[in-house]
Amino acid sequence: MSISEHKELKEQFGSLGLNLIKKAEIEIKEMNQTTLFQKSQIKKNLKKRSNENALRTKTHFIETNNQLLNNALASTLLKIKQDILELKNNLLIELRLVLLKRIESNINNKYEMYIGYLINDLKKFAHTIKHTREISIALNKRDYKFFSENSRKIQDLFKTQITLQIADDSFIGGFKAYIESENISYDVTIENYILKQSILIESAFSEKFSEKSITELTQKLEKFIINKKKSIQEHLKEYDRIG
């Protein structure tokens, strides 16, 4: 092989080598671009999934938080109503006890005045059952003793025969009556009168307190819960901005 041929062959190999290197560089560049694109897609998909997961987590948190707040509202309102009912019942019991003690004290201190009150009630009762043949009147021990010693004060009130007796149960004043022929009984005791009045008081108390005060408390609590829900939303928005 001549020198010129050897030189030409060397140049051909050199040119081939350069071409191969360039081709390899192009292939590597294309491969890198493909890899970068794939990485970008993977990153994009991961970010999308991450955002979806974050949104699901956020939605679940809000729903759970709202449910807890709603449960707290319902539980608190129920507790308030129970406390009000208990308070009302305790107040009524205390009111009855106070009234009974005060009336009993007044009877002891002004017994003659009380007897006038009792005779007036017996007179009213006598007018309502004037066609009845026989009536039993039950009194407490003190009043029974008084009318046994002053029978005209009670006998003159009724146009029918009456029988006086000591009541089986204890009460501070008033009387109980029983008409055997008609199987009817009447409770005209002071205790029963106070009980009836306390029922009216309870009705008025319940109407005013439950309708007005509980409604006001409910509105305040509902406003508080709404503000809490808004506060959670604002915190989450702030977190999103930071993220």
C-alpha atoms as a PDB file:
ATOM      1  CA  MET A   1       0.000   0.000   0.000  1.00  0.00           C
ATOM      2  CA  SER A   2       1.346   3.358  -1.008  1.00  0.00           C
ATOM      3  CA  ILE A   3       1.777   6.263   1.346  1.00  0.00           C
ATOM      4  CA  SER A   4      -1.049   8.153  -0.320  1.00  0.00           C
ATOM      5  CA  GLU A   5      -3.391   5.214   0.019  1.00  0.00           C
ATOM      6  CA  HIS A   6      -2.421   4.777   3.639  1.00  0.00           C
ATOM      7  CA  LYS A   7      -3.093   8.460   4.278  1.00  0.00           C
ATOM      8  CA  GLU A   8      -6.479   8.311   2.528  1.00  0.00           C
ATOM      9  CA  LEU A   9      -7.506   5.252   4.535  1.00  0.00           C
ATOM     10  CA  LYS A  10      -6.458   6.973   7.741  1.00  0.00           C
ATOM     11  CA  GLU A  11      -8.534  10.008   6.830  1.00  0.00           C
ATOM     12  CA  GLN A  12     -11.548   7.806   6.115  1.00  0.00           C
ATOM     13  CA  PHE A  13     -11.224   6.100   9.501  1.00  0.00           C
ATOM     14  CA  GLY A  14     -10.833   9.500  11.144  1.00  0.00           C
ATOM     15  CA  SER A  15     -13.916  10.831   9.415  1.00  0.00           C
ATOM     16  CA  LEU A  16     -15.836   7.700  10.389  1.00  0.00           C
ATOM     17  CA  GLY A  17     -14.747   8.101  13.993  1.00  0.00           C
ATOM     18  CA  LEU A  18     -15.883  11.705  14.066  1.00  0.00           C
ATOM     19  CA  ASN A  19     -19.221  10.744  12.571  1.00  0.00           C
ATOM     20  CA  LEU A  20     -19.653   7.998  15.132  1.00  0.00           C
ATOM     21  CA  ILE A  21     -18.782  10.368  17.946  1.00  0.00           C
ATOM     22  CA  LYS A  22     -21.236  12.994  16.654  1.00  0.00           C
ATOM     23  CA  LYS A  23     -23.918  10.352  16.227  1.00  0.00           C
ATOM     24  CA  ALA A  24     -23.282   9.127  19.743  1.00  0.00           C
ATOM     25  CA  GLU A  25     -23.462  12.679  21.045  1.00  0.00           C
ATOM     26  CA  ILE A  26     -26.802  13.227  19.289  1.00  0.00           C
ATOM     27  CA  GLU A  27     -28.178   9.941  20.625  1.00  0.00           C
ATOM     28  CA  ILE A  28     -27.017  10.786  24.147  1.00  0.00           C
ATOM     29  CA  LYS A  29     -28.540  14.263  23.845  1.00  0.00           C
ATOM     30  CA  GLU A  30     -31.847  12.799  22.639  1.00  0.00           C
ATOM     31  CA  MET A  31     -31.721  10.225  25.415  1.00  0.00           C
ATOM     32  CA  ASN A  32     -31.077  12.960  27.968  1.00  0.00           C
ATOM     33  CA  GLN A  33     -33.986  14.995  26.613  1.00  0.00           C
ATOM     34  CA  THR A  34     -36.217  11.926  26.809  1.00  0.00           C
ATOM     35  CA  THR A  35     -35.031  11.269  30.340  1.00  0.00           C
ATOM     36  CA  LEU A  36     -35.624  14.884  31.341  1.00  0.00           C
ATOM     37  CA  PHE A  37     -39.107  14.762  29.810  1.00  0.00           C
ATOM     38  CA  GLN A  38     -39.861  11.521  31.634  1.00  0.00           C
ATOM     39  CA  LYS A  39     -38.566  13.006  34.867  1.00  0.00           C
ATOM     40  CA  SER A  40     -40.703  16.074  34.264  1.00  0.00           C
ATOM     41  CA  GLN A  41     -43.765  13.903  33.669  1.00  0.00           C
ATOM     42  CA  ILE A  42     -43.041  11.863  36.778  1.00  0.00           C
ATOM     43  CA  LYS A  43     -42.578  15.038  38.822  1.00  0.00           C
ATOM     44  CA  LYS A  44     -45.761  16.491  37.333  1.00  0.00           C
ATOM     45  CA  ASN A  45     -47.727  13.337  38.123  1.00  0.00           C
ATOM     46  CA  LEU A  46     -46.308  13.205  41.622  1.00  0.00           C
ATOM     47  CA  LYS A  47     -47.214  16.846  42.167  1.00  0.00           C
ATOM     48  CA  LYS A  48     -50.716  16.205  40.807  1.00  0.00           C
ATOM     49  CA  ARG A  49     -51.175  13.207  43.085  1.00  0.00           C
ATOM     50  CA  SER A  50     -49.719  15.191  45.953  1.00  0.00           C
ATOM     51  CA  ASN A  51     -52.173  18.030  45.303  1.00  0.00           C
ATOM     52  CA  GLU A  52     -55.062  15.568  45.047  1.00  0.00           C
ATOM     53  CA  ASN A  53     -54.006  13.890  48.290  1.00  0.00           C
ATOM     54  CA  ALA A  54     -53.595  17.272  49.952  1.00  0.00           C
ATOM     55  CA  LEU A  55     -57.056  18.329  48.757  1.00  0.00           C
ATOM     56  CA  ARG A  56     -58.608  15.088  50.010  1.00  0.00           C
ATOM     57  CA  THR A  57     -56.831  15.482  53.346  1.00  0.00           C
ATOM     58  CA  LYS A  58     -57.927  19.108  53.601  1.00  0.00           C
ATOM     59  CA  THR A  59     -61.541  18.250  52.711  1.00  0.00           C
ATOM     60  CA  HIS A  60     -61.573  15.378  55.196  1.00  0.00           C
ATOM     61  CA  PHE A  61     -60.126  17.628  57.893  1.00  0.00           C
ATOM     62  CA  ILE A  62     -62.734  20.335  57.282  1.00  0.00           C
ATOM     63  CA  GLU A  63     -65.602  17.822  57.262  1.00  0.00           C
ATOM     64  CA  THR A  64     -64.333  16.132  60.431  1.00  0.00           C
ATOM     65  CA  ASN A  65     -63.775  19.457  62.158  1.00  0.00           C
ATOM     66  CA  ASN A  66     -67.245  20.709  61.181  1.00  0.00           C
ATOM     67  CA  GLN A  67     -68.811  17.472  62.411  1.00  0.00           C
ATOM     68  CA  LEU A  68     -67.001  17.796  65.738  1.00  0.00           C
ATOM     69  CA  LEU A  69     -68.142  21.405  66.069  1.00  0.00           C
ATOM     70  CA  ASN A  70     -71.736  20.452  65.202  1.00  0.00           C
ATOM     71  CA  ASN A  71     -71.636  17.633  67.745  1.00  0.00           C
ATOM     72  CA  ALA A  72     -70.228  20.022  70.329  1.00  0.00           C
ATOM     73  CA  LEU A  73     -73.033  22.490  69.585  1.00  0.00           C
ATOM     74  CA  ALA A  74     -75.739  19.825  69.934  1.00  0.00           C
ATOM     75  CA  SER A  75     -74.158  18.435  73.110  1.00  0.00           C
ATOM     76  CA  THR A  76     -73.789  21.898  74.657  1.00  0.00           C
ATOM     77  CA  LEU A  77     -77.369  22.885  73.827  1.00  0.00           C
ATOM     78  CA  LEU A  78     -78.656  19.637  75.321  1.00  0.00           C
ATOM     79  CA  LYS A  79     -76.589  20.241  78.464  1.00  0.00           C
ATOM     80  CA  ILE A  80     -77.918  23.808  78.734  1.00  0.00           C
ATOM     81  CA  LYS A  81     -81.526  22.615  78.410  1.00  0.00           C
ATOM     82  CA  GLN A  82     -80.942  19.904  81.012  1.00  0.00           C
ATOM     83  CA  ASP A  83     -79.328  22.404  83.391  1.00  0.00           C
ATOM     84  CA  ILE A  84     -82.182  24.870  82.901  1.00  0.00           C
ATOM     85  CA  LEU A  85     -84.758  22.146  83.515  1.00  0.00           C
ATOM     86  CA  GLU A  86     -82.935  21.050  86.670  1.00  0.00           C
ATOM     87  CA  LEU A  87     -82.619  24.653  87.833  1.00  0.00           C
ATOM     88  CA  LYS A  88     -86.301  25.286  87.170  1.00  0.00           C
ATOM     89  CA  ASN A  89     -87.366  22.173  89.081  1.00  0.00           C
ATOM     90  CA  ASN A  90     -85.098  23.038  92.013  1.00  0.00           C
ATOM     91  CA  LEU A  91     -86.431  26.600  92.095  1.00  0.00           C
ATOM     92  CA  LEU A  92     -90.029  25.382  92.093  1.00  0.00           C
ATOM     93  CA  ILE A  93     -89.360  22.885  94.875  1.00  0.00           C
ATOM     94  CA  GLU A  94     -87.609  25.569  96.896  1.00  0.00           C
ATOM     95  CA  LEU A  95     -90.437  28.014  96.195  1.00  0.00           C
ATOM     96  CA  ARG A  96     -93.065  25.541  97.447  1.00  0.00           C
ATOM     97  CA  LEU A  97     -91.057  24.851 100.599  1.00  0.00           C
ATOM     98  CA  VAL A  98     -90.563  28.563 101.293  1.00  0.00           C
ATOM     99  CA  LEU A  99     -94.267  29.305 100.764  1.00  0.00           C
ATOM    100  CA  LEU A 100     -95.355  26.413 102.978  1.00  0.00           C
ATOM    101  CA  LYS A 101     -93.024  27.468 105.785  1.00  0.00           C
ATOM    102  CA  ARG A 102     -94.156  31.075 105.539  1.00  0.00           C
ATOM    103  CA  ILE A 103     -97.848  30.139 105.507  1.00  0.00           C
ATOM    104  CA  GLU A 104     -97.354  27.736 108.400  1.00  0.00           C
ATOM    105  CA  SER A 105     -95.633  30.500 110.353  1.00  0.00           C
ATOM    106  CA  ASN A 106     -98.500  32.898 109.594  1.00  0.00           C
ATOM    107  CA  ILE A 107    -101.067  30.294 110.703  1.00  0.00           C
ATOM    108  CA  ASN A 108     -99.236  29.767 113.988  1.00  0.00           C
ATOM    109  CA  ASN A 109     -98.939  33.491 114.627  1.00  0.00           C
ATOM    110  CA  LYS A 110    -102.425  34.457 113.408  1.00  0.00           C
ATOM    111  CA  TYR A 111    -104.553  31.373 113.928  1.00  0.00           C
ATOM    112  CA  GLU A 112    -107.844  33.251 114.261  1.00  0.00           C
ATOM    113  CA  MET A 113    -107.267  34.962 110.922  1.00  0.00           C
ATOM    114  CA  TYR A 114    -106.510  31.592 109.373  1.00  0.00           C
ATOM    115  CA  ILE A 115    -109.738  30.126 110.799  1.00  0.00           C
ATOM    116  CA  GLY A 116    -111.642  32.955 109.094  1.00  0.00           C
ATOM    117  CA  TYR A 117    -109.959  31.994 105.829  1.00  0.00           C
ATOM    118  CA  LEU A 118    -110.786  28.308 106.383  1.00  0.00           C
ATOM    119  CA  ILE A 119    -114.441  29.007 107.207  1.00  0.00           C
ATOM    120  CA  ASN A 120    -114.727  31.102 104.048  1.00  0.00           C
ATOM    121  CA  ASP A 121    -113.370  28.188 101.959  1.00  0.00           C
ATOM    122  CA  LEU A 122    -115.772  25.770 103.670  1.00  0.00           C
ATOM    123  CA  LYS A 123    -118.653  28.140 102.918  1.00  0.00           C
ATOM    124  CA  LYS A 124    -117.742  28.289  99.215  1.00  0.00           C
ATOM    125  CA  PHE A 125    -117.486  24.525  99.128  1.00  0.00           C
ATOM    126  CA  ALA A 126    -120.873  24.105 100.851  1.00  0.00           C
ATOM    127  CA  HIS A 127    -122.556  26.135  98.102  1.00  0.00           C
ATOM    128  CA  THR A 128    -121.151  23.866  95.398  1.00  0.00           C
ATOM    129  CA  ILE A 129    -122.511  20.644  96.968  1.00  0.00           C
ATOM    130  CA  LYS A 130    -125.694  21.893  98.695  1.00  0.00           C
ATOM    131  CA  HIS A 131    -127.844  19.033  97.339  1.00  0.00           C
ATOM    132  CA  THR A 132    -125.566  16.306  98.671  1.00  0.00           C
ATOM    133  CA  ARG A 133    -126.896  14.268 101.596  1.00  0.00           C
ATOM    134  CA  GLU A 134    -123.776  13.384 103.553  1.00  0.00           C
ATOM    135  CA  ILE A 135    -120.236  14.723 103.496  1.00  0.00           C
ATOM    136  CA  SER A 136    -117.060  13.755 105.339  1.00  0.00           C
ATOM    137  CA  ILE A 137    -114.686  16.610 106.151  1.00  0.00           C
ATOM    138  CA  ALA A 138    -111.079  15.701 107.002  1.00  0.00           C
ATOM    139  CA  LEU A 139    -108.971  18.258 108.898  1.00  0.00           C
ATOM    140  CA  ASN A 140    -105.522  18.330 110.469  1.00  0.00           C
ATOM    141  CA  LYS A 141    -105.389  17.690 114.212  1.00  0.00           C
ATOM    142  CA  ARG A 142    -105.332  21.341 115.238  1.00  0.00           C
ATOM    143  CA  ASP A 143    -108.279  22.369 113.051  1.00  0.00           C
ATOM    144  CA  TYR A 144    -110.229  19.241 113.979  1.00  0.00           C
ATOM    145  CA  LYS A 145    -109.850  20.151 117.648  1.00  0.00           C
ATOM    146  CA  PHE A 146    -111.047  23.710 116.988  1.00  0.00           C
ATOM    147  CA  PHE A 147    -114.171  22.697 115.037  1.00  0.00           C
ATOM    148  CA  SER A 148    -114.976  19.875 117.450  1.00  0.00           C
ATOM    149  CA  GLU A 149    -115.111  22.525 120.170  1.00  0.00           C
ATOM    150  CA  ASN A 150    -116.923  25.002 117.889  1.00  0.00           C
ATOM    151  CA  SER A 151    -119.124  22.672 115.835  1.00  0.00           C
ATOM    152  CA  ARG A 152    -121.766  25.357 115.088  1.00  0.00           C
ATOM    153  CA  LYS A 153    -119.176  27.327 113.092  1.00  0.00           C
ATOM    154  CA  ILE A 154    -119.003  24.517 110.562  1.00  0.00           C
ATOM    155  CA  GLN A 155    -122.418  22.828 110.920  1.00  0.00           C
ATOM    156  CA  ASP A 156    -124.251  26.058 110.096  1.00  0.00           C
ATOM    157  CA  LEU A 157    -122.415  26.277 106.764  1.00  0.00           C
ATOM    158  CA  PHE A 158    -123.902  23.058 105.380  1.00  0.00           C
ATOM    159  CA  LYS A 159    -127.543  22.174 104.759  1.00  0.00           C
ATOM    160  CA  THR A 160    -126.707  18.497 104.951  1.00  0.00           C
ATOM    161  CA  GLN A 161    -125.178  16.186 107.509  1.00  0.00           C
ATOM    162  CA  ILE A 162    -121.409  16.392 107.815  1.00  0.00           C
ATOM    163  CA  THR A 163    -118.913  14.171 109.567  1.00  0.00           C
ATOM    164  CA  LEU A 164    -115.654  15.597 110.881  1.00  0.00           C
ATOM    165  CA  GLN A 165    -112.541  13.458 111.070  1.00  0.00           C
ATOM    166  CA  ILE A 166    -108.779  13.771 111.408  1.00  0.00           C
ATOM    167  CA  ALA A 167    -107.059  13.358 108.052  1.00  0.00           C
ATOM    168  CA  ASP A 168    -104.881  10.295 107.523  1.00  0.00           C
ATOM    169  CA  ASP A 169    -102.151  12.372 105.897  1.00  0.00           C
ATOM    170  CA  SER A 170    -100.559  15.530 107.235  1.00  0.00           C
ATOM    171  CA  PHE A 171    -101.146  19.037 105.856  1.00  0.00           C
ATOM    172  CA  ILE A 172    -100.690  22.474 107.379  1.00  0.00           C
ATOM    173  CA  GLY A 173    -104.137  23.833 106.585  1.00  0.00           C
ATOM    174  CA  GLY A 174    -107.316  23.609 104.558  1.00  0.00           C
ATOM    175  CA  PHE A 175    -109.429  20.466 104.334  1.00  0.00           C
ATOM    176  CA  LYS A 176    -110.305  17.393 102.324  1.00  0.00           C
ATOM    177  CA  ALA A 177    -113.883  16.338 101.613  1.00  0.00           C
ATOM    178  CA  TYR A 178    -115.381  13.052 100.531  1.00  0.00           C
ATOM    179  CA  ILE A 179    -118.904  12.392  99.255  1.00  0.00           C
ATOM    180  CA  GLU A 180    -119.409   8.659  99.640  1.00  0.00           C
ATOM    181  CA  SER A 181    -122.700   8.451  97.741  1.00  0.00           C
ATOM    182  CA  GLU A 182    -121.050   9.904  94.649  1.00  0.00           C
ATOM    183  CA  ASN A 183    -117.552   8.539  95.288  1.00  0.00           C
ATOM    184  CA  ILE A 184    -116.053  11.996  94.824  1.00  0.00           C
ATOM    185  CA  SER A 185    -113.193  13.522  96.802  1.00  0.00           C
ATOM    186  CA  TYR A 186    -111.988  17.125  97.022  1.00  0.00           C
ATOM    187  CA  ASP A 187    -108.562  18.397  98.024  1.00  0.00           C
ATOM    188  CA  VAL A 188    -108.834  21.965  99.333  1.00  0.00           C
ATOM    189  CA  THR A 189    -105.621  21.887 101.358  1.00  0.00           C
ATOM    190  CA  ILE A 190    -103.095  24.696 101.345  1.00  0.00           C
ATOM    191  CA  GLU A 191    -100.509  22.266  99.966  1.00  0.00           C
ATOM    192  CA  ASN A 192    -102.714  21.505  96.958  1.00  0.00           C
ATOM    193  CA  TYR A 193    -103.397  25.198  96.406  1.00  0.00           C
ATOM    194  CA  ILE A 194     -99.655  25.929  96.361  1.00  0.00           C
ATOM    195  CA  LEU A 195     -99.099  22.989  94.012  1.00  0.00           C
ATOM    196  CA  LYS A 196    -101.642  24.406  91.552  1.00  0.00           C
ATOM    197  CA  GLN A 197    -100.063  27.838  91.791  1.00  0.00           C
ATOM    198  CA  SER A 198     -96.597  26.402  91.267  1.00  0.00           C
ATOM    199  CA  ILE A 199     -97.833  24.692  88.099  1.00  0.00           C
ATOM    200  CA  LEU A 200     -98.930  28.097  86.797  1.00  0.00           C
ATOM    201  CA  ILE A 201     -95.600  29.574  87.871  1.00  0.00           C
ATOM    202  CA  GLU A 202     -93.770  26.708  86.169  1.00  0.00           C
ATOM    203  CA  SER A 203     -95.734  27.283  82.973  1.00  0.00           C
ATOM    204  CA  ALA A 204     -94.931  31.003  82.962  1.00  0.00           C
ATOM    205  CA  PHE A 205     -91.318  30.305  83.881  1.00  0.00           C
ATOM    206  CA  SER A 206     -90.900  27.726  81.125  1.00  0.00           C
ATOM    207  CA  GLU A 207     -92.573  29.922  78.529  1.00  0.00           C
ATOM    208  CA  LYS A 208     -90.402  32.960  79.189  1.00  0.00           C
ATOM    209  CA  PHE A 209     -87.118  31.318  80.054  1.00  0.00           C
ATOM    210  CA  SER A 210     -87.076  28.514  77.515  1.00  0.00           C
ATOM    211  CA  GLU A 211     -88.271  30.557  74.569  1.00  0.00           C
ATOM    212  CA  LYS A 212     -86.191  33.668  75.147  1.00  0.00           C
ATOM    213  CA  SER A 213     -83.075  32.676  77.039  1.00  0.00           C
ATOM    214  CA  ILE A 214     -82.458  29.329  75.371  1.00  0.00           C
ATOM    215  CA  THR A 215     -82.995  30.912  71.955  1.00  0.00           C
ATOM    216  CA  GLU A 216     -80.467  33.625  72.794  1.00  0.00           C
ATOM    217  CA  LEU A 217     -77.972  31.051  74.054  1.00  0.00           C
ATOM    218  CA  THR A 218     -78.537  28.929  70.956  1.00  0.00           C
ATOM    219  CA  GLN A 219     -77.901  31.878  68.661  1.00  0.00           C
ATOM    220  CA  LYS A 220     -74.714  32.807  70.525  1.00  0.00           C
ATOM    221  CA  LEU A 221     -73.424  29.239  70.361  1.00  0.00           C
ATOM    222  CA  GLU A 222     -74.299  28.877  66.686  1.00  0.00           C
ATOM    223  CA  LYS A 223     -72.486  32.153  65.952  1.00  0.00           C
ATOM    224  CA  PHE A 224     -69.476  30.885  67.892  1.00  0.00           C
ATOM    225  CA  ILE A 225     -69.450  27.611  65.909  1.00  0.00           C
ATOM    226  CA  ILE A 226     -69.756  29.465  62.582  1.00  0.00           C
ATOM    227  CA  ASN A 227     -66.826  31.702  63.526  1.00  0.00           C
ATOM    228  CA  LYS A 228     -64.796  28.636  64.496  1.00  0.00           C
ATOM    229  CA  LYS A 229     -65.494  27.050  61.103  1.00  0.00           C
ATOM    230  CA  LYS A 230     -64.453  30.253  59.327  1.00  0.00           C
ATOM    231  CA  SER A 231     -61.304  30.417  61.444  1.00  0.00           C
ATOM    232  CA  ILE A 232     -60.319  26.888  60.387  1.00  0.00           C
ATOM    233  CA  GLN A 233     -60.870  27.807  56.726  1.00  0.00           C
ATOM    234  CA  GLU A 234     -58.671  30.906  57.091  1.00  0.00           C
ATOM    235  CA  HIS A 235     -55.899  28.910  58.768  1.00  0.00           C
ATOM    236  CA  LEU A 236     -55.949  26.394  55.915  1.00  0.00           C
ATOM    237  CA  LYS A 237     -55.806  29.174  53.307  1.00  0.00           C
ATOM    238  CA  GLU A 238     -52.823  30.680  55.108  1.00  0.00           C
ATOM    239  CA  TYR A 239     -51.161  27.258  55.165  1.00  0.00           C
ATOM    240  CA  ASP A 240     -51.740  26.880  51.402  1.00  0.00           C
ATOM    241  CA  ARG A 241     -50.087  30.244  50.768  1.00  0.00           C
ATOM    242  CA  ILE A 242     -47.075  29.261  52.865  1.00  0.00           C
ATOM    243  CA  GLY A 243     -46.853  25.895  51.107  1.00  0.00           C
END
